PDB file of all heavy atoms in Angstrom:
ATOM      1  N   ILE A   1     -13.601  15.495  32.415  1.00  0.00           N
ATOM      2  CA  ILE A   1     -14.808  16.265  32.725  1.00  0.00           C
ATOM      3  C   ILE A   1     -14.644  16.970  34.069  1.00  0.00           C
ATOM      4  O   ILE A   1     -14.956  18.152  34.212  1.00  0.00           O
ATOM      5  CB  ILE A   1     -16.053  15.350  32.725  1.00  0.00           C
ATOM      6  CG1 ILE A   1     -16.368  14.895  31.281  1.00  0.00           C
ATOM      7  CG2 ILE A   1     -17.256  16.046  33.359  1.00  0.00           C
ATOM      8  CD1 ILE A   1     -17.346  13.735  31.200  1.00  0.00           C
ATOM      9  N   ALA A   2     -14.130  16.241  35.061  1.00  0.00           N
ATOM     10  CA  ALA A   2     -13.916  16.823  36.390  1.00  0.00           C
ATOM     11  C   ALA A   2     -12.919  17.977  36.328  1.00  0.00           C
ATOM     12  O   ALA A   2     -13.124  19.025  36.949  1.00  0.00           O
ATOM     13  CB  ALA A   2     -13.443  15.751  37.359  1.00  0.00           C
ATOM     14  N   LYS A   3     -11.846  17.785  35.574  1.00  0.00           N
ATOM     15  CA  LYS A   3     -10.847  18.854  35.438  1.00  0.00           C
ATOM     16  C   LYS A   3     -11.446  20.077  34.761  1.00  0.00           C
ATOM     17  O   LYS A   3     -11.183  21.211  35.163  1.00  0.00           O
ATOM     18  CB  LYS A   3      -9.643  18.347  34.643  1.00  0.00           C
ATOM     19  CG  LYS A   3      -8.778  17.371  35.404  1.00  0.00           C
ATOM     20  CD  LYS A   3      -7.650  16.863  34.526  1.00  0.00           C
ATOM     21  CE  LYS A   3      -6.766  15.885  35.263  1.00  0.00           C
ATOM     22  NZ  LYS A   3      -5.716  15.325  34.365  1.00  0.00           N
ATOM     23  N   ALA A   4     -12.254  19.870  33.739  1.00  0.00           N
ATOM     24  CA  ALA A   4     -12.883  20.982  33.023  1.00  0.00           C
ATOM     25  C   ALA A   4     -13.837  21.761  33.928  1.00  0.00           C
ATOM     26  O   ALA A   4     -14.062  22.956  33.711  1.00  0.00           O
ATOM     27  CB  ALA A   4     -13.633  20.458  31.794  1.00  0.00           C
ATOM     28  N   GLN A   5     -14.361  21.086  34.942  1.00  0.00           N
ATOM     29  CA  GLN A   5     -15.249  21.748  35.902  1.00  0.00           C
ATOM     30  C   GLN A   5     -14.488  22.249  37.131  1.00  0.00           C
ATOM     31  O   GLN A   5     -15.089  22.624  38.127  1.00  0.00           O
ATOM     32  CB  GLN A   5     -16.374  20.794  36.305  1.00  0.00           C
ATOM     33  CG  GLN A   5     -17.298  20.474  35.154  1.00  0.00           C
ATOM     34  CD  GLN A   5     -18.515  19.676  35.593  1.00  0.00           C
ATOM     35  OE1 GLN A   5     -18.702  19.339  36.746  1.00  0.00           O
ATOM     36  NE2 GLN A   5     -19.362  19.375  34.626  1.00  0.00           N
ATOM     37  N   ALA A   6     -13.161  22.227  37.055  1.00  0.00           N
ATOM     38  CA  ALA A   6     -12.273  22.726  38.114  1.00  0.00           C
ATOM     39  C   ALA A   6     -12.493  22.024  39.449  1.00  0.00           C
ATOM     40  O   ALA A   6     -12.364  22.632  40.510  1.00  0.00           O
ATOM     41  CB  ALA A   6     -12.412  24.243  38.262  1.00  0.00           C
ATOM     42  N   MET A   7     -12.808  20.733  39.393  1.00  0.00           N
ATOM     43  CA  MET A   7     -12.896  19.948  40.626  1.00  0.00           C
ATOM     44  C   MET A   7     -11.479  19.685  41.124  1.00  0.00           C
ATOM     45  O   MET A   7     -10.594  19.358  40.333  1.00  0.00           O
ATOM     46  CB  MET A   7     -13.610  18.617  40.371  1.00  0.00           C
ATOM     47  CG  MET A   7     -15.070  18.763  40.032  1.00  0.00           C
ATOM     48  SD  MET A   7     -15.831  17.126  39.812  1.00  0.00           S
ATOM     49  CE  MET A   7     -17.484  17.594  39.331  1.00  0.00           C
ATOM     50  N   GLY A   8     -11.277  19.813  42.419  1.00  0.00           N
ATOM     51  CA  GLY A   8      -9.952  19.592  42.989  1.00  0.00           C
ATOM     52  C   GLY A   8      -9.593  18.124  43.116  1.00  0.00           C
ATOM     53  O   GLY A   8      -8.423  17.759  43.165  1.00  0.00           O
ATOM     54  N   SER A   9     -10.613  17.287  43.172  1.00  0.00           N
ATOM     55  CA  SER A   9     -10.385  15.850  43.287  1.00  0.00           C
ATOM     56  C   SER A   9     -11.648  15.124  42.842  1.00  0.00           C
ATOM     57  O   SER A   9     -12.709  15.729  42.722  1.00  0.00           O
ATOM     58  CB  SER A   9     -10.039  15.450  44.725  1.00  0.00           C
ATOM     59  OG  SER A   9     -11.143  15.694  45.582  1.00  0.00           O
ATOM     60  N   VAL A  10     -11.490  13.835  42.597  1.00  0.00           N
ATOM     61  CA  VAL A  10     -12.622  12.952  42.337  1.00  0.00           C
ATOM     62  C   VAL A  10     -12.454  11.745  43.238  1.00  0.00           C
ATOM     63  O   VAL A  10     -11.357  11.454  43.723  1.00  0.00           O
ATOM     64  CB  VAL A  10     -12.722  12.514  40.857  1.00  0.00           C
ATOM     65  CG1 VAL A  10     -13.094  13.692  39.966  1.00  0.00           C
ATOM     66  CG2 VAL A  10     -11.441  11.849  40.383  1.00  0.00           C
ATOM     67  N   TYR A  11     -13.544  11.045  43.472  1.00  0.00           N
ATOM     68  CA  TYR A  11     -13.464   9.841  44.287  1.00  0.00           C
ATOM     69  C   TYR A  11     -14.403   8.794  43.714  1.00  0.00           C
ATOM     70  O   TYR A  11     -15.242   9.077  42.853  1.00  0.00           O
ATOM     71  CB  TYR A  11     -13.785  10.145  45.756  1.00  0.00           C
ATOM     72  CG  TYR A  11     -15.230  10.435  46.053  1.00  0.00           C
ATOM     73  CD1 TYR A  11     -16.062   9.447  46.589  1.00  0.00           C
ATOM     74  CD2 TYR A  11     -15.787  11.681  45.808  1.00  0.00           C
ATOM     75  CE1 TYR A  11     -17.392   9.702  46.878  1.00  0.00           C
ATOM     76  CE2 TYR A  11     -17.113  11.952  46.090  1.00  0.00           C
ATOM     77  CZ  TYR A  11     -17.914  10.954  46.621  1.00  0.00           C
ATOM     78  OH  TYR A  11     -19.234  11.215  46.895  1.00  0.00           O
ATOM     79  N   LEU A  12     -14.235   7.579  44.202  1.00  0.00           N
ATOM     80  CA  LEU A  12     -15.095   6.480  43.781  1.00  0.00           C
ATOM     81  C   LEU A  12     -15.096   5.405  44.838  1.00  0.00           C
ATOM     82  O   LEU A  12     -14.249   5.392  45.735  1.00  0.00           O
ATOM     83  CB  LEU A  12     -14.640   5.931  42.422  1.00  0.00           C
ATOM     84  CG  LEU A  12     -13.158   5.580  42.234  1.00  0.00           C
ATOM     85  CD1 LEU A  12     -12.808   4.217  42.811  1.00  0.00           C
ATOM     86  CD2 LEU A  12     -12.799   5.625  40.767  1.00  0.00           C
ATOM     87  N   HIS A  13     -16.059   4.529  44.737  1.00  0.00           N
ATOM     88  CA  HIS A  13     -16.130   3.336  45.570  1.00  0.00           C
ATOM     89  C   HIS A  13     -15.784   2.171  44.655  1.00  0.00           C
ATOM     90  O   HIS A  13     -16.616   1.720  43.879  1.00  0.00           O
ATOM     91  CB  HIS A  13     -17.521   3.154  46.177  1.00  0.00           C
ATOM     92  CG  HIS A  13     -17.874   4.204  47.166  1.00  0.00           C
ATOM     93  ND1 HIS A  13     -19.147   4.343  47.670  1.00  0.00           N
ATOM     94  CD2 HIS A  13     -17.141   5.170  47.763  1.00  0.00           C
ATOM     95  CE1 HIS A  13     -19.169   5.350  48.525  1.00  0.00           C
ATOM     96  NE2 HIS A  13     -17.966   5.870  48.594  1.00  0.00           N
ATOM     97  N   ALA A  14     -14.542   1.727  44.737  1.00  0.00           N
ATOM     98  CA  ALA A  14     -14.057   0.667  43.853  1.00  0.00           C
ATOM     99  C   ALA A  14     -14.405  -0.704  44.411  1.00  0.00           C
ATOM    100  O   ALA A  14     -14.217  -0.956  45.605  1.00  0.00           O
ATOM    101  CB  ALA A  14     -12.546   0.766  43.690  1.00  0.00           C
ATOM    102  N   GLN A  15     -14.912  -1.565  43.542  1.00  0.00           N
ATOM    103  CA  GLN A  15     -15.032  -2.958  43.947  1.00  0.00           C
ATOM    104  C   GLN A  15     -13.602  -3.465  44.156  1.00  0.00           C
ATOM    105  O   GLN A  15     -12.697  -3.107  43.401  1.00  0.00           O
ATOM    106  CB  GLN A  15     -15.753  -3.772  42.878  1.00  0.00           C
ATOM    107  CG  GLN A  15     -17.204  -3.366  42.735  1.00  0.00           C
ATOM    108  CD  GLN A  15     -17.958  -4.211  41.723  1.00  0.00           C
ATOM    109  OE1 GLN A  15     -17.458  -5.210  41.225  1.00  0.00           O
ATOM    110  NE2 GLN A  15     -19.180  -3.801  41.426  1.00  0.00           N
ATOM    111  N   VAL A  16     -13.380  -4.273  45.187  1.00  0.00           N
ATOM    112  CA  VAL A  16     -12.010  -4.631  45.552  1.00  0.00           C
ATOM    113  C   VAL A  16     -11.252  -5.307  44.408  1.00  0.00           C
ATOM    114  O   VAL A  16     -10.046  -5.121  44.287  1.00  0.00           O
ATOM    115  CB  VAL A  16     -11.943  -5.478  46.843  1.00  0.00           C
ATOM    116  CG1 VAL A  16     -12.356  -4.662  48.050  1.00  0.00           C
ATOM    117  CG2 VAL A  16     -12.752  -6.735  46.735  1.00  0.00           C
ATOM    118  N   GLN A  17     -11.946  -6.045  43.548  1.00  0.00           N
ATOM    119  CA  GLN A  17     -11.234  -6.679  42.436  1.00  0.00           C
ATOM    120  C   GLN A  17     -10.753  -5.650  41.408  1.00  0.00           C
ATOM    121  O   GLN A  17      -9.895  -5.956  40.587  1.00  0.00           O
ATOM    122  CB  GLN A  17     -12.081  -7.765  41.759  1.00  0.00           C
ATOM    123  CG  GLN A  17     -13.207  -7.251  40.893  1.00  0.00           C
ATOM    124  CD  GLN A  17     -14.521  -7.094  41.636  1.00  0.00           C
ATOM    125  OE1 GLN A  17     -14.562  -7.125  42.865  1.00  0.00           O
ATOM    126  NE2 GLN A  17     -15.604  -6.919  40.896  1.00  0.00           N
ATOM    127  N   ALA A  18     -11.264  -4.417  41.481  1.00  0.00           N
ATOM    128  CA  ALA A  18     -10.838  -3.361  40.559  1.00  0.00           C
ATOM    129  C   ALA A  18      -9.875  -2.370  41.218  1.00  0.00           C
ATOM    130  O   ALA A  18      -9.434  -1.418  40.581  1.00  0.00           O
ATOM    131  CB  ALA A  18     -12.055  -2.616  40.028  1.00  0.00           C
ATOM    132  N   GLU A  19      -9.521  -2.612  42.455  1.00  0.00           N
ATOM    133  CA  GLU A  19      -8.664  -1.679  43.189  1.00  0.00           C
ATOM    134  C   GLU A  19      -7.332  -1.446  42.476  1.00  0.00           C
ATOM    135  O   GLU A  19      -6.871  -0.309  42.351  1.00  0.00           O
ATOM    136  CB  GLU A  19      -8.422  -2.202  44.612  1.00  0.00           C
ATOM    137  CG  GLU A  19      -7.685  -1.258  45.511  1.00  0.00           C
ATOM    138  CD  GLU A  19      -7.560  -1.776  46.940  1.00  0.00           C
ATOM    139  OE1 GLU A  19      -8.337  -2.661  47.356  1.00  0.00           O
ATOM    140  OE2 GLU A  19      -6.665  -1.277  47.645  1.00  0.00           O
ATOM    141  N   ALA A  20      -6.713  -2.495  41.973  1.00  0.00           N
ATOM    142  CA  ALA A  20      -5.422  -2.359  41.273  1.00  0.00           C
ATOM    143  C   ALA A  20      -5.558  -1.509  40.010  1.00  0.00           C
ATOM    144  O   ALA A  20      -4.677  -0.707  39.688  1.00  0.00           O
ATOM    145  CB  ALA A  20      -4.857  -3.730  40.934  1.00  0.00           C
ATOM    146  N   PHE A  21      -6.664  -1.664  39.286  1.00  0.00           N
ATOM    147  CA  PHE A  21      -6.927  -0.870  38.093  1.00  0.00           C
ATOM    148  C   PHE A  21      -6.919   0.617  38.435  1.00  0.00           C
ATOM    149  O   PHE A  21      -6.260   1.426  37.769  1.00  0.00           O
ATOM    150  CB  PHE A  21      -8.278  -1.283  37.490  1.00  0.00           C
ATOM    151  CG  PHE A  21      -8.818  -0.352  36.443  1.00  0.00           C
ATOM    152  CD1 PHE A  21      -8.322  -0.368  35.147  1.00  0.00           C
ATOM    153  CD2 PHE A  21      -9.831   0.546  36.746  1.00  0.00           C
ATOM    154  CE1 PHE A  21      -8.823   0.495  34.178  1.00  0.00           C
ATOM    155  CE2 PHE A  21     -10.347   1.408  35.784  1.00  0.00           C
ATOM    156  CZ  PHE A  21      -9.830   1.379  34.506  1.00  0.00           C
ATOM    157  N   TYR A  22      -7.631   0.991  39.490  1.00  0.00           N
ATOM    158  CA  TYR A  22      -7.709   2.397  39.877  1.00  0.00           C
ATOM    159  C   TYR A  22      -6.396   2.901  40.460  1.00  0.00           C
ATOM    160  O   TYR A  22      -6.023   4.057  40.249  1.00  0.00           O
ATOM    161  CB  TYR A  22      -8.870   2.620  40.846  1.00  0.00           C
ATOM    162  CG  TYR A  22     -10.205   2.431  40.189  1.00  0.00           C
ATOM    163  CD1 TYR A  22     -11.037   1.365  40.532  1.00  0.00           C
ATOM    164  CD2 TYR A  22     -10.659   3.314  39.210  1.00  0.00           C
ATOM    165  CE1 TYR A  22     -12.272   1.181  39.916  1.00  0.00           C
ATOM    166  CE2 TYR A  22     -11.890   3.138  38.595  1.00  0.00           C
ATOM    167  CZ  TYR A  22     -12.687   2.069  38.960  1.00  0.00           C
ATOM    168  OH  TYR A  22     -13.902   1.893  38.341  1.00  0.00           O
ATOM    169  N   THR A  23      -5.673   2.047  41.176  1.00  0.00           N
ATOM    170  CA  THR A  23      -4.368   2.433  41.706  1.00  0.00           C
ATOM    171  C   THR A  23      -3.425   2.797  40.558  1.00  0.00           C
ATOM    172  O   THR A  23      -2.698   3.793  40.627  1.00  0.00           O
ATOM    173  CB  THR A  23      -3.779   1.298  42.565  1.00  0.00           C
ATOM    174  OG1 THR A  23      -4.656   1.065  43.673  1.00  0.00           O
ATOM    175  CG2 THR A  23      -2.395   1.656  43.081  1.00  0.00           C
ATOM    176  N   LYS A  24      -3.439   2.021  39.489  1.00  0.00           N
ATOM    177  CA  LYS A  24      -2.595   2.310  38.317  1.00  0.00           C
ATOM    178  C   LYS A  24      -2.954   3.646  37.677  1.00  0.00           C
ATOM    179  O   LYS A  24      -2.125   4.272  37.031  1.00  0.00           O
ATOM    180  CB  LYS A  24      -2.737   1.208  37.264  1.00  0.00           C
ATOM    181  CG  LYS A  24      -2.068  -0.079  37.633  1.00  0.00           C
ATOM    182  CD  LYS A  24      -2.290  -1.127  36.563  1.00  0.00           C
ATOM    183  CE  LYS A  24      -1.800  -2.484  37.030  1.00  0.00           C
ATOM    184  NZ  LYS A  24      -2.171  -3.552  36.092  1.00  0.00           N
ATOM    185  N   LYS A  25      -4.174   4.087  37.886  1.00  0.00           N
ATOM    186  CA  LYS A  25      -4.626   5.368  37.324  1.00  0.00           C
ATOM    187  C   LYS A  25      -4.388   6.531  38.287  1.00  0.00           C
ATOM    188  O   LYS A  25      -4.805   7.651  38.025  1.00  0.00           O
ATOM    189  CB  LYS A  25      -6.115   5.296  36.955  1.00  0.00           C
ATOM    190  CG  LYS A  25      -6.423   4.246  35.919  1.00  0.00           C
ATOM    191  CD  LYS A  25      -5.701   4.532  34.622  1.00  0.00           C
ATOM    192  CE  LYS A  25      -5.930   3.449  33.603  1.00  0.00           C
ATOM    193  NZ  LYS A  25      -5.083   3.628  32.424  1.00  0.00           N
ATOM    194  N   GLY A  26      -3.728   6.269  39.428  1.00  0.00           N
ATOM    195  CA  GLY A  26      -3.366   7.321  40.363  1.00  0.00           C
ATOM    196  C   GLY A  26      -4.289   7.497  41.554  1.00  0.00           C
ATOM    197  O   GLY A  26      -4.057   8.368  42.399  1.00  0.00           O
ATOM    198  N   PHE A  27      -5.331   6.698  41.644  1.00  0.00           N
ATOM    199  CA  PHE A  27      -6.235   6.784  42.786  1.00  0.00           C
ATOM    200  C   PHE A  27      -5.564   6.202  44.023  1.00  0.00           C
ATOM    201  O   PHE A  27      -4.801   5.231  43.931  1.00  0.00           O
ATOM    202  CB  PHE A  27      -7.537   6.024  42.508  1.00  0.00           C
ATOM    203  CG  PHE A  27      -8.492   6.750  41.602  1.00  0.00           C
ATOM    204  CD1 PHE A  27      -8.308   6.735  40.227  1.00  0.00           C
ATOM    205  CD2 PHE A  27      -9.572   7.445  42.117  1.00  0.00           C
ATOM    206  CE1 PHE A  27      -9.182   7.397  39.377  1.00  0.00           C
ATOM    207  CE2 PHE A  27     -10.453   8.119  41.284  1.00  0.00           C
ATOM    208  CZ  PHE A  27     -10.259   8.095  39.908  1.00  0.00           C
ATOM    209  N   ILE A  28      -5.873   6.789  45.169  1.00  0.00           N
ATOM    210  CA  ILE A  28      -5.304   6.351  46.438  1.00  0.00           C
ATOM    211  C   ILE A  28      -6.420   5.850  47.336  1.00  0.00           C
ATOM    212  O   ILE A  28      -7.445   6.528  47.519  1.00  0.00           O
ATOM    213  CB  ILE A  28      -4.537   7.498  47.127  1.00  0.00           C
ATOM    214  CG1 ILE A  28      -3.358   7.916  46.237  1.00  0.00           C
ATOM    215  CG2 ILE A  28      -4.069   7.087  48.520  1.00  0.00           C
ATOM    216  CD1 ILE A  28      -2.672   9.175  46.686  1.00  0.00           C
ATOM    217  N   LYS A  29      -6.195   4.688  47.901  1.00  0.00           N
ATOM    218  CA  LYS A  29      -7.160   4.074  48.827  1.00  0.00           C
ATOM    219  C   LYS A  29      -7.250   4.919  50.088  1.00  0.00           C
ATOM    220  O   LYS A  29      -6.226   5.323  50.650  1.00  0.00           O
ATOM    221  CB  LYS A  29      -6.680   2.658  49.147  1.00  0.00           C
ATOM    222  CG  LYS A  29      -7.501   1.930  50.169  1.00  0.00           C
ATOM    223  CD  LYS A  29      -6.898   0.552  50.412  1.00  0.00           C
ATOM    224  CE  LYS A  29      -7.495  -0.085  51.639  1.00  0.00           C
ATOM    225  NZ  LYS A  29      -6.923  -1.398  51.904  1.00  0.00           N
ATOM    226  N   THR A  30      -8.475   5.196  50.519  1.00  0.00           N
ATOM    227  CA  THR A  30      -8.683   5.937  51.763  1.00  0.00           C
ATOM    228  C   THR A  30      -9.677   5.161  52.615  1.00  0.00           C
ATOM    229  O   THR A  30     -10.858   5.127  52.308  1.00  0.00           O
ATOM    230  CB  THR A  30      -9.228   7.357  51.497  1.00  0.00           C
ATOM    231  OG1 THR A  30     -10.469   7.252  50.817  1.00  0.00           O
ATOM    232  CG2 THR A  30      -8.276   8.178  50.660  1.00  0.00           C
ATOM    233  N   GLY A  31      -9.196   4.523  53.628  1.00  0.00           N
ATOM    234  CA  GLY A  31     -10.078   3.785  54.520  1.00  0.00           C
ATOM    235  C   GLY A  31     -10.079   2.291  54.259  1.00  0.00           C
ATOM    236  O   GLY A  31      -9.344   1.773  53.419  1.00  0.00           O
ATOM    237  N   ASP A  32     -10.930   1.633  55.003  1.00  0.00           N
ATOM    238  CA  ASP A  32     -11.019   0.184  54.968  1.00  0.00           C
ATOM    239  C   ASP A  32     -12.074  -0.269  53.965  1.00  0.00           C
ATOM    240  O   ASP A  32     -12.908   0.512  53.521  1.00  0.00           O
ATOM    241  CB  ASP A  32     -11.392  -0.349  56.355  1.00  0.00           C
ATOM    242  CG  ASP A  32     -10.327  -0.049  57.399  1.00  0.00           C
ATOM    243  OD1 ASP A  32      -9.123  -0.100  57.051  1.00  0.00           O
ATOM    244  OD2 ASP A  32     -10.699   0.254  58.548  1.00  0.00           O
ATOM    245  N   HIS A  33     -12.044  -1.560  53.679  1.00  0.00           N
ATOM    246  CA  HIS A  33     -13.066  -2.141  52.815  1.00  0.00           C
ATOM    247  C   HIS A  33     -14.427  -2.057  53.503  1.00  0.00           C
ATOM    248  O   HIS A  33     -14.518  -2.098  54.731  1.00  0.00           O
ATOM    249  CB  HIS A  33     -12.737  -3.611  52.522  1.00  0.00           C
ATOM    250  CG  HIS A  33     -11.532  -3.767  51.652  1.00  0.00           C
ATOM    251  ND1 HIS A  33     -10.771  -4.896  51.625  1.00  0.00           N
ATOM    252  CD2 HIS A  33     -10.946  -2.929  50.755  1.00  0.00           C
ATOM    253  CE1 HIS A  33      -9.782  -4.758  50.772  1.00  0.00           C
ATOM    254  NE2 HIS A  33      -9.859  -3.571  50.241  1.00  0.00           N
ATOM    255  N   PHE A  34     -15.465  -1.929  52.710  1.00  0.00           N
ATOM    256  CA  PHE A  34     -16.825  -1.898  53.225  1.00  0.00           C
ATOM    257  C   PHE A  34     -17.735  -2.602  52.228  1.00  0.00           C
ATOM    258  O   PHE A  34     -17.365  -2.826  51.076  1.00  0.00           O
ATOM    259  CB  PHE A  34     -17.290  -0.452  53.475  1.00  0.00           C
ATOM    260  CG  PHE A  34     -17.268   0.415  52.249  1.00  0.00           C
ATOM    261  CD1 PHE A  34     -18.386   0.533  51.441  1.00  0.00           C
ATOM    262  CD2 PHE A  34     -16.115   1.113  51.899  1.00  0.00           C
ATOM    263  CE1 PHE A  34     -18.363   1.330  50.303  1.00  0.00           C
ATOM    264  CE2 PHE A  34     -16.092   1.913  50.765  1.00  0.00           C
ATOM    265  CZ  PHE A  34     -17.216   2.017  49.966  1.00  0.00           C
ATOM    266  N   MET A  35     -18.917  -2.940  52.689  1.00  0.00           N
ATOM    267  CA  MET A  35     -19.883  -3.620  51.829  1.00  0.00           C
ATOM    268  C   MET A  35     -20.854  -2.618  51.237  1.00  0.00           C
ATOM    269  O   MET A  35     -21.368  -1.744  51.938  1.00  0.00           O
ATOM    270  CB  MET A  35     -20.651  -4.678  52.624  1.00  0.00           C
ATOM    271  CG  MET A  35     -19.770  -5.808  53.162  1.00  0.00           C
ATOM    272  SD  MET A  35     -18.897  -6.726  51.884  1.00  0.00           S
ATOM    273  CE  MET A  35     -20.255  -7.665  51.192  1.00  0.00           C
ATOM    274  N   GLU A  36     -21.086  -2.751  49.941  1.00  0.00           N
ATOM    275  CA  GLU A  36     -22.072  -1.944  49.238  1.00  0.00           C
ATOM    276  C   GLU A  36     -22.726  -2.870  48.223  1.00  0.00           C
ATOM    277  O   GLU A  36     -22.027  -3.480  47.400  1.00  0.00           O
ATOM    278  CB  GLU A  36     -21.364  -0.767  48.542  1.00  0.00           C
ATOM    279  CG  GLU A  36     -22.276   0.279  47.970  1.00  0.00           C
ATOM    280  CD  GLU A  36     -21.501   1.498  47.512  1.00  0.00           C
ATOM    281  OE1 GLU A  36     -20.986   1.490  46.389  1.00  0.00           O
ATOM    282  OE2 GLU A  36     -21.398   2.463  48.307  1.00  0.00           O
ATOM    283  N   ALA A  37     -24.029  -3.017  48.298  1.00  0.00           N
ATOM    284  CA  ALA A  37     -24.779  -3.939  47.428  1.00  0.00           C
ATOM    285  C   ALA A  37     -24.224  -5.371  47.534  1.00  0.00           C
ATOM    286  O   ALA A  37     -24.122  -6.087  46.548  1.00  0.00           O
ATOM    287  CB  ALA A  37     -24.761  -3.460  45.983  1.00  0.00           C
ATOM    288  N   ASP A  38     -23.842  -5.753  48.752  1.00  0.00           N
ATOM    289  CA  ASP A  38     -23.280  -7.074  49.039  1.00  0.00           C
ATOM    290  C   ASP A  38     -21.980  -7.365  48.290  1.00  0.00           C
ATOM    291  O   ASP A  38     -21.630  -8.514  48.036  1.00  0.00           O
ATOM    292  CB  ASP A  38     -24.303  -8.187  48.761  1.00  0.00           C
ATOM    293  CG  ASP A  38     -25.441  -8.172  49.768  1.00  0.00           C
ATOM    294  OD1 ASP A  38     -25.193  -7.806  50.935  1.00  0.00           O
ATOM    295  OD2 ASP A  38     -26.569  -8.521  49.386  1.00  0.00           O
TER     296      ASP A  38
END
């Protein structure tokens, strides 16, 4: 969907236990861990 809308990039806030899942999909970690909804 993002590609079809010509977005240059997408981002997300991954829960740390899902970080490896997103890394395998090509996402790159940017920054330190933070708390969101505890």
